[in-house]
Protein backbone atom coordinates (compact mmCIF):
# COMPACT_ATOMS: atom_id res chain seq x y z
CA MET A 1 -30.24 -19.82 -126.57
CA THR A 2 -33.21 -17.66 -125.69
CA LYS A 3 -34.08 -17.33 -122.03
CA ASN A 4 -37.78 -16.87 -121.28
CA PRO A 5 -39.28 -15.22 -118.23
CA ARG A 6 -39.18 -17.02 -114.95
CA ILE A 7 -41.99 -19.44 -114.15
CA ASN A 8 -43.68 -19.26 -110.76
CA ASP A 9 -46.77 -21.01 -109.47
CA PRO A 10 -48.61 -18.41 -107.36
CA GLU A 11 -50.07 -21.16 -105.17
CA LEU A 12 -46.63 -22.41 -104.07
CA GLY A 13 -44.53 -20.49 -101.59
CA ARG A 14 -41.32 -18.81 -102.65
CA LEU A 15 -38.98 -16.09 -101.53
CA PRO A 16 -38.87 -12.94 -103.73
CA GLN A 17 -35.28 -13.77 -104.79
CA PHE A 18 -36.35 -17.24 -105.97
CA ALA A 19 -37.95 -18.49 -109.18
CA HIS A 20 -39.62 -21.88 -109.27
CA ALA A 21 -38.20 -22.48 -112.74
CA THR A 22 -36.48 -20.82 -115.68
CA ARG A 23 -36.83 -21.80 -119.31
CA ALA A 24 -33.78 -21.64 -121.57
CA GLY A 25 -34.53 -22.76 -125.09
CA ASP A 26 -35.91 -26.30 -125.02
CA LEU A 27 -34.90 -26.82 -121.38
CA LEU A 28 -36.72 -25.99 -118.17
CA PHE A 29 -34.62 -25.78 -115.01
CA VAL A 30 -36.73 -26.38 -111.89
CA SER A 31 -35.15 -24.88 -108.78
CA GLY A 32 -34.53 -26.82 -105.61
CA THR A 33 -37.99 -27.65 -104.30
CA LEU A 34 -39.10 -28.74 -100.84
CA GLY A 35 -42.07 -30.71 -99.55
CA THR A 36 -44.02 -27.66 -98.41
CA MET A 37 -47.78 -27.39 -98.51
CA GLY A 38 -49.39 -24.71 -100.65
CA ASP A 39 -48.03 -21.21 -100.32
CA GLU A 40 -46.91 -21.78 -96.72
CA PHE A 41 -43.34 -22.51 -95.71
CA GLU A 42 -44.41 -25.52 -93.66
CA LEU A 43 -43.07 -28.98 -94.49
CA VAL A 44 -45.39 -31.96 -94.59
CA ALA A 45 -45.06 -34.17 -91.53
CA GLY A 46 -43.63 -37.65 -91.56
CA GLY A 47 -40.04 -37.34 -92.75
CA ALA A 48 -38.31 -38.25 -95.99
CA GLY A 49 -41.04 -40.36 -97.61
CA PRO A 50 -43.88 -37.85 -97.29
CA GLU A 51 -41.53 -34.93 -97.99
CA THR A 52 -40.36 -36.61 -101.21
CA ALA A 53 -43.95 -37.27 -102.33
CA GLN A 54 -44.96 -33.65 -101.61
CA THR A 55 -41.82 -32.27 -103.26
CA LEU A 56 -42.52 -34.23 -106.43
CA ALA A 57 -46.16 -33.08 -106.39
CA ASN A 58 -44.91 -29.49 -106.10
CA ILE A 59 -42.54 -30.07 -109.03
CA ALA A 60 -45.44 -31.43 -111.09
CA ARG A 61 -47.33 -28.17 -110.37
CA ILE A 62 -44.33 -26.09 -111.45
CA LEU A 63 -43.98 -28.10 -114.65
CA SER A 64 -47.69 -27.65 -115.37
CA ALA A 65 -47.36 -23.89 -114.88
CA ALA A 66 -44.66 -24.00 -117.58
CA GLY A 67 -46.78 -26.12 -119.93
CA LEU A 68 -44.78 -29.30 -119.33
CA GLY A 69 -45.42 -32.59 -117.57
CA VAL A 70 -43.58 -35.13 -115.49
CA ASP A 71 -42.76 -37.16 -118.61
CA ASP A 72 -40.67 -34.20 -119.82
CA ILE A 73 -38.21 -34.55 -116.90
CA VAL A 74 -34.81 -35.78 -118.12
CA LYS A 75 -32.59 -35.31 -115.03
CA VAL A 76 -33.27 -35.17 -111.29
CA SER A 77 -30.94 -34.18 -108.46
CA VAL A 78 -32.02 -35.29 -104.98
CA TYR A 79 -30.40 -33.82 -101.89
CA LEU A 80 -30.84 -35.65 -98.59
CA HIS A 81 -29.97 -34.26 -95.21
CA ASP A 82 -29.07 -37.79 -94.11
CA MET A 83 -28.36 -40.76 -96.40
CA SER A 84 -30.11 -43.02 -93.87
CA ASP A 85 -33.33 -41.58 -95.41
CA PHE A 86 -32.43 -42.98 -98.84
CA ALA A 87 -34.82 -45.95 -98.68
CA ALA A 88 -37.83 -43.82 -97.68
CA MET A 89 -37.02 -41.23 -100.35
CA ASN A 90 -36.44 -43.91 -102.99
CA THR A 91 -39.75 -45.64 -102.26
CA ALA A 92 -41.72 -42.39 -102.70
CA TYR A 93 -39.63 -41.48 -105.76
CA SER A 94 -40.28 -44.90 -107.35
CA GLU A 95 -44.02 -44.61 -106.70
CA PHE A 96 -44.02 -41.23 -108.45
CA PHE A 97 -41.94 -42.12 -111.52
CA GLY A 98 -42.83 -45.81 -111.92
CA ASP A 99 -40.74 -48.10 -114.10
CA ASP A 100 -39.33 -45.45 -116.46
CA PRO A 101 -37.61 -42.83 -114.27
CA PRO A 102 -35.31 -40.07 -115.56
CA ALA A 103 -31.58 -39.94 -114.86
CA ARG A 104 -30.88 -39.15 -111.21
CA ILE A 105 -28.18 -38.34 -108.71
CA THR A 106 -28.68 -38.48 -104.95
CA VAL A 107 -26.39 -36.52 -102.65
CA GLY A 108 -26.40 -36.91 -98.87
CA GLY A 109 -25.16 -34.83 -95.97
CA ALA A 110 -26.74 -31.55 -97.07
CA ASP A 111 -28.10 -28.91 -94.71
CA LEU A 112 -31.40 -27.95 -96.31
CA ALA A 113 -33.68 -24.93 -95.93
CA LEU A 114 -36.46 -25.12 -93.33
CA GLY A 115 -34.80 -28.19 -91.80
CA ALA A 116 -36.05 -30.34 -94.69
CA THR A 117 -34.88 -33.91 -95.09
CA VAL A 118 -35.23 -33.80 -98.90
CA GLU A 119 -34.77 -31.19 -101.63
CA ILE A 120 -35.16 -31.95 -105.33
CA GLU A 121 -34.28 -30.03 -108.48
CA CYS A 122 -34.71 -31.19 -112.05
CA ILE A 123 -34.27 -30.43 -115.70
CA ALA A 124 -37.10 -30.98 -118.16
CA HIS A 125 -37.00 -30.89 -121.95
CA ARG A 126 -39.65 -30.01 -124.48
CA PRO A 127 -38.99 -28.42 -127.85
CA VAL A 128 -40.19 -24.83 -128.11
CA ASP A 129 -42.88 -24.46 -130.78
């Protein structure tokens, strides 16, 4: 399996030791992503619902930078600081993916960077030309 260079969106914040995504063959692995705005390390206000919506928008940007789209996502891992935020996260998630979502796992009780309530990583698939 050939590993391509890391993919980073210059308009999204990241630490130097962090890549937004890495392509390996037909798969794109999107790193854990938070609901930050632009290239700042500031979370959107409002808790799990707005953070989920912003996180998924950030993931869409990362996918676009790699030449992929949301429809290419095959697996999502959602990490919640507190499972009591599940309903708010799930509502925003459902609004984003609609009636045909990818496979997903949700894990609660995680201490997340920047004090986030939600962090999401995913795997996308598109055959390499």
